[in-house]
Amino acid sequence: MTSDGTDPKAGGLRRLAVLTPEPGRSESVRARCRSQLEQSRRREGSTGQVAEFAWRVLAPVVVGAFCVFYVAVLVATTLRLEGLFD
């Protein structure tokens, strides 16, 4: 855009009609938006509880299982190398 206001696109923008919302329709849209926001808040609460459970309970269980598996493989490999587990 030039500083003197002679932008060729400015004329096209001036010709656009200004839209004003219909009062009845805008209220119905607001009501639908509010109801959807309320539903998402309710869903978020239950989803948050599941995520909290996953992080507090399932994550340590999975990490512990991998550690146990790793130690078991390490012991089996050590015994196999020593010739005790043939």
Protein backbone atom coordinates (compact mmCIF):
# COMPACT_ATOMS: atom_id res chain seq x y z
CA MET A 1 0.00 0.00 0.00
CA THR A 2 1.30 3.39 -0.89
CA SER A 3 1.45 6.25 1.55
CA ASP A 4 -0.65 8.60 -0.60
CA GLY A 5 -3.70 6.29 -0.55
CA THR A 6 -3.70 5.41 -4.25
CA ASP A 7 -3.77 1.68 -3.74
CA PRO A 8 -5.67 0.09 -6.64
CA LYS A 9 -7.34 -2.42 -4.31
CA ALA A 10 -8.74 0.29 -2.04
CA GLY A 11 -11.43 1.21 -4.56
CA GLY A 12 -12.67 -2.37 -4.62
CA LEU A 13 -12.83 -2.46 -0.85
CA ARG A 14 -14.89 0.71 -0.74
CA ARG A 15 -17.51 -0.84 -3.04
CA LEU A 16 -18.14 -3.80 -0.73
CA ALA A 17 -21.43 -3.72 1.13
CA VAL A 18 -21.34 -3.51 4.91
CA LEU A 19 -23.14 -6.47 6.43
CA THR A 20 -25.19 -6.09 9.59
CA PRO A 21 -26.41 -9.18 11.48
CA GLU A 22 -30.09 -9.86 11.93
CA PRO A 23 -30.96 -9.56 15.64
CA GLY A 24 -33.01 -12.77 15.84
CA ARG A 25 -30.51 -14.85 13.94
CA SER A 26 -27.54 -13.53 15.89
CA GLU A 27 -29.22 -14.46 19.18
CA SER A 28 -29.90 -17.99 17.96
CA VAL A 29 -26.28 -18.35 16.84
CA ARG A 30 -25.08 -17.10 20.24
CA ALA A 31 -27.37 -19.60 21.99
CA ARG A 32 -26.03 -22.47 19.88
CA CYS A 33 -22.45 -21.38 20.56
CA ARG A 34 -23.08 -21.18 24.30
CA SER A 35 -24.64 -24.65 24.35
CA GLN A 36 -21.74 -26.13 22.40
CA LEU A 37 -19.24 -24.44 24.72
CA GLU A 38 -21.06 -25.86 27.73
CA GLN A 39 -21.04 -29.35 26.21
CA SER A 40 -17.32 -29.12 25.46
CA ARG A 41 -16.64 -27.99 29.04
CA ARG A 42 -18.54 -31.01 30.36
CA ARG A 43 -16.65 -33.34 28.03
CA GLU A 44 -13.35 -31.70 28.97
CA GLY A 45 -13.98 -32.45 32.63
CA SER A 46 -14.44 -36.17 32.06
CA THR A 47 -11.56 -36.29 29.57
CA GLY A 48 -9.33 -34.55 32.08
CA GLN A 49 -10.10 -37.21 34.67
CA VAL A 50 -9.16 -39.98 32.23
CA ALA A 51 -5.94 -38.21 31.27
CA GLU A 52 -5.06 -37.69 34.93
CA PHE A 53 -5.66 -41.39 35.62
CA ALA A 54 -3.46 -42.32 32.65
CA TRP A 55 -0.57 -40.17 33.80
CA ARG A 56 -0.80 -41.10 37.49
CA VAL A 57 -1.42 -44.85 37.14
CA LEU A 58 -0.83 -46.22 33.65
CA ALA A 59 2.39 -44.39 32.83
CA PRO A 60 4.33 -45.74 35.85
CA VAL A 61 2.95 -49.24 35.18
CA VAL A 62 4.14 -49.16 31.57
CA VAL A 63 7.57 -47.80 32.52
CA GLY A 64 7.88 -50.42 35.28
CA ALA A 65 6.94 -53.22 32.89
CA PHE A 66 9.61 -52.13 30.42
CA CYS A 67 12.19 -52.00 33.24
CA VAL A 68 11.28 -55.51 34.41
CA PHE A 69 11.48 -56.81 30.84
CA TYR A 70 14.87 -55.12 30.35
CA VAL A 71 16.30 -56.61 33.56
CA ALA A 72 14.96 -60.08 32.64
CA VAL A 73 16.61 -59.93 29.21
CA LEU A 74 19.82 -58.65 30.79
CA VAL A 75 19.89 -61.55 33.27
CA ALA A 76 19.10 -64.11 30.54
CA THR A 77 21.86 -62.72 28.31
CA THR A 78 24.34 -62.78 31.18
CA LEU A 79 23.50 -66.37 32.06
CA ARG A 80 23.71 -67.40 28.42
CA LEU A 81 27.16 -65.80 28.08
CA GLU A 82 28.34 -67.57 31.24
CA GLY A 83 27.10 -70.89 29.89
CA LEU A 84 24.70 -71.50 32.76
CA PHE A 85 21.52 -71.09 30.74
CA ASP A 86 22.12 -73.52 27.86
